[in-house]
Structures are given as C-alpha cells and as structure tokens.
C-alpha cells in the first residue's frame, strides 16, 4: 500500500539557484475560542528541474518528496498562475 504524499499550493517568493525556489504557503483558519480568521504562513525550499519557467509571484503546486538536502524535501508539481 502506497502512502499519499502531501500537496500544498503557494507563491514563489525567491529563486535561489537554477534548481531551487522558496515557496510561501499561507494557511487560514478560525480561532478556536474567538472565531476570528487567523493567517499563518510557512516557507518551503522546493526542488525544481528548471526554474527558468517560474518567476517571483507565480502560484505553484508542490509535493512532498525524498530528502534532497538538509532543508529541501519538496518538489515542484505544476504552475497554476
């Protein structure tokens, strides 16, 4: 049985090297006690075969993958916008 890998949608914040981009993923949820909408974000280091097709501000899908470096374990799936 194969386990499902997590998939997230985020915005490209920085193009570091030809194979690495930084993606910001925002999460919104209601506060448990007060009900106010709370926004959180987290930056992920993502591996991509060729970053020339991406620009800062693009919305992309990323997926969990194997460990590529100490901080990079997510891979690029597709560009949305």
Protein backbone atom coordinates (compact mmCIF):
# COMPACT_ATOMS: atom_id res chain seq x y z
CA UNK A 1 0.00 0.00 0.00
CA UNK A 2 1.40 3.37 -1.02
CA UNK A 3 1.13 6.36 1.29
CA UNK A 4 -0.28 9.62 -0.03
CA UNK A 5 2.16 12.49 -0.25
CA UNK A 6 1.15 15.94 0.97
CA UNK A 7 0.41 18.54 -1.68
CA UNK A 8 0.36 22.29 -0.99
CA UNK A 9 -0.30 25.44 -3.01
CA UNK A 10 1.82 28.53 -2.51
CA UNK A 11 3.51 31.56 -4.04
CA UNK A 12 7.11 31.72 -5.28
CA UNK A 13 8.99 34.18 -3.06
CA UNK A 14 12.59 33.73 -4.22
CA UNK A 15 14.54 31.90 -6.92
CA UNK A 16 17.76 30.87 -5.19
CA UNK A 17 19.62 28.72 -7.71
CA UNK A 18 18.66 27.13 -11.05
CA UNK A 19 17.23 24.12 -9.17
CA UNK A 20 15.83 25.72 -6.00
CA UNK A 21 12.95 28.09 -5.25
CA UNK A 22 11.41 29.29 -1.98
CA UNK A 23 7.61 28.96 -1.80
CA UNK A 24 5.39 30.69 0.79
CA UNK A 25 2.29 28.71 1.80
CA UNK A 26 -0.47 30.59 3.65
CA UNK A 27 -2.96 28.86 5.91
CA UNK A 28 -6.19 30.46 7.17
CA UNK A 29 -8.31 29.10 9.99
CA UNK A 30 -10.83 30.29 12.57
CA UNK A 31 -9.50 30.91 16.09
CA UNK A 32 -10.85 28.13 18.36
CA UNK A 33 -12.17 30.47 21.05
CA UNK A 34 -12.88 33.82 19.38
CA UNK A 35 -13.73 32.75 15.84
CA UNK A 36 -11.55 35.42 14.19
CA UNK A 37 -9.80 34.34 10.99
CA UNK A 38 -6.10 33.84 11.64
CA UNK A 39 -3.46 33.77 8.89
CA UNK A 40 -0.24 31.78 9.20
CA UNK A 41 2.48 31.20 6.65
CA UNK A 42 5.45 28.92 6.21
CA UNK A 43 8.28 28.98 3.67
CA UNK A 44 9.33 25.77 1.94
CA UNK A 45 12.54 25.14 -0.01
CA UNK A 46 11.45 23.39 -3.22
CA UNK A 47 13.42 21.45 -5.85
CA UNK A 48 12.65 22.16 -9.49
CA UNK A 49 14.38 20.76 -12.58
CA UNK A 50 14.49 24.11 -14.41
CA UNK A 51 13.46 27.32 -12.64
CA UNK A 52 13.51 29.39 -15.88
CA UNK A 53 9.79 28.71 -16.35
CA UNK A 54 8.98 30.35 -12.98
CA UNK A 55 9.02 33.96 -11.80
CA UNK A 56 8.60 35.53 -8.37
CA UNK A 57 4.88 35.80 -7.60
CA UNK A 58 3.78 32.70 -9.53
CA UNK A 59 1.31 30.37 -7.81
CA UNK A 60 2.53 26.75 -7.81
CA UNK A 61 1.66 23.29 -6.51
CA UNK A 62 4.35 21.47 -4.52
CA UNK A 63 4.51 17.90 -3.23
CA UNK A 64 6.46 16.04 -0.58
CA UNK A 65 9.36 14.09 -1.97
CA UNK A 66 12.59 12.43 -0.95
CA UNK A 67 15.20 14.31 1.05
CA UNK A 68 17.41 16.19 -1.44
CA UNK A 69 19.41 18.30 1.02
CA UNK A 70 19.12 19.02 4.77
CA UNK A 71 16.30 21.58 4.22
CA UNK A 72 14.95 20.59 0.79
CA UNK A 73 12.39 17.77 0.67
CA UNK A 74 9.63 19.24 -1.50
CA UNK A 75 9.37 19.07 -5.30
CA UNK A 76 7.63 21.26 -7.85
CA UNK A 77 4.50 19.76 -9.45
CA UNK A 78 2.91 22.41 -11.68
CA UNK A 79 2.43 26.13 -12.22
CA UNK A 80 -1.11 27.42 -11.63
CA UNK A 81 -0.80 31.15 -12.47
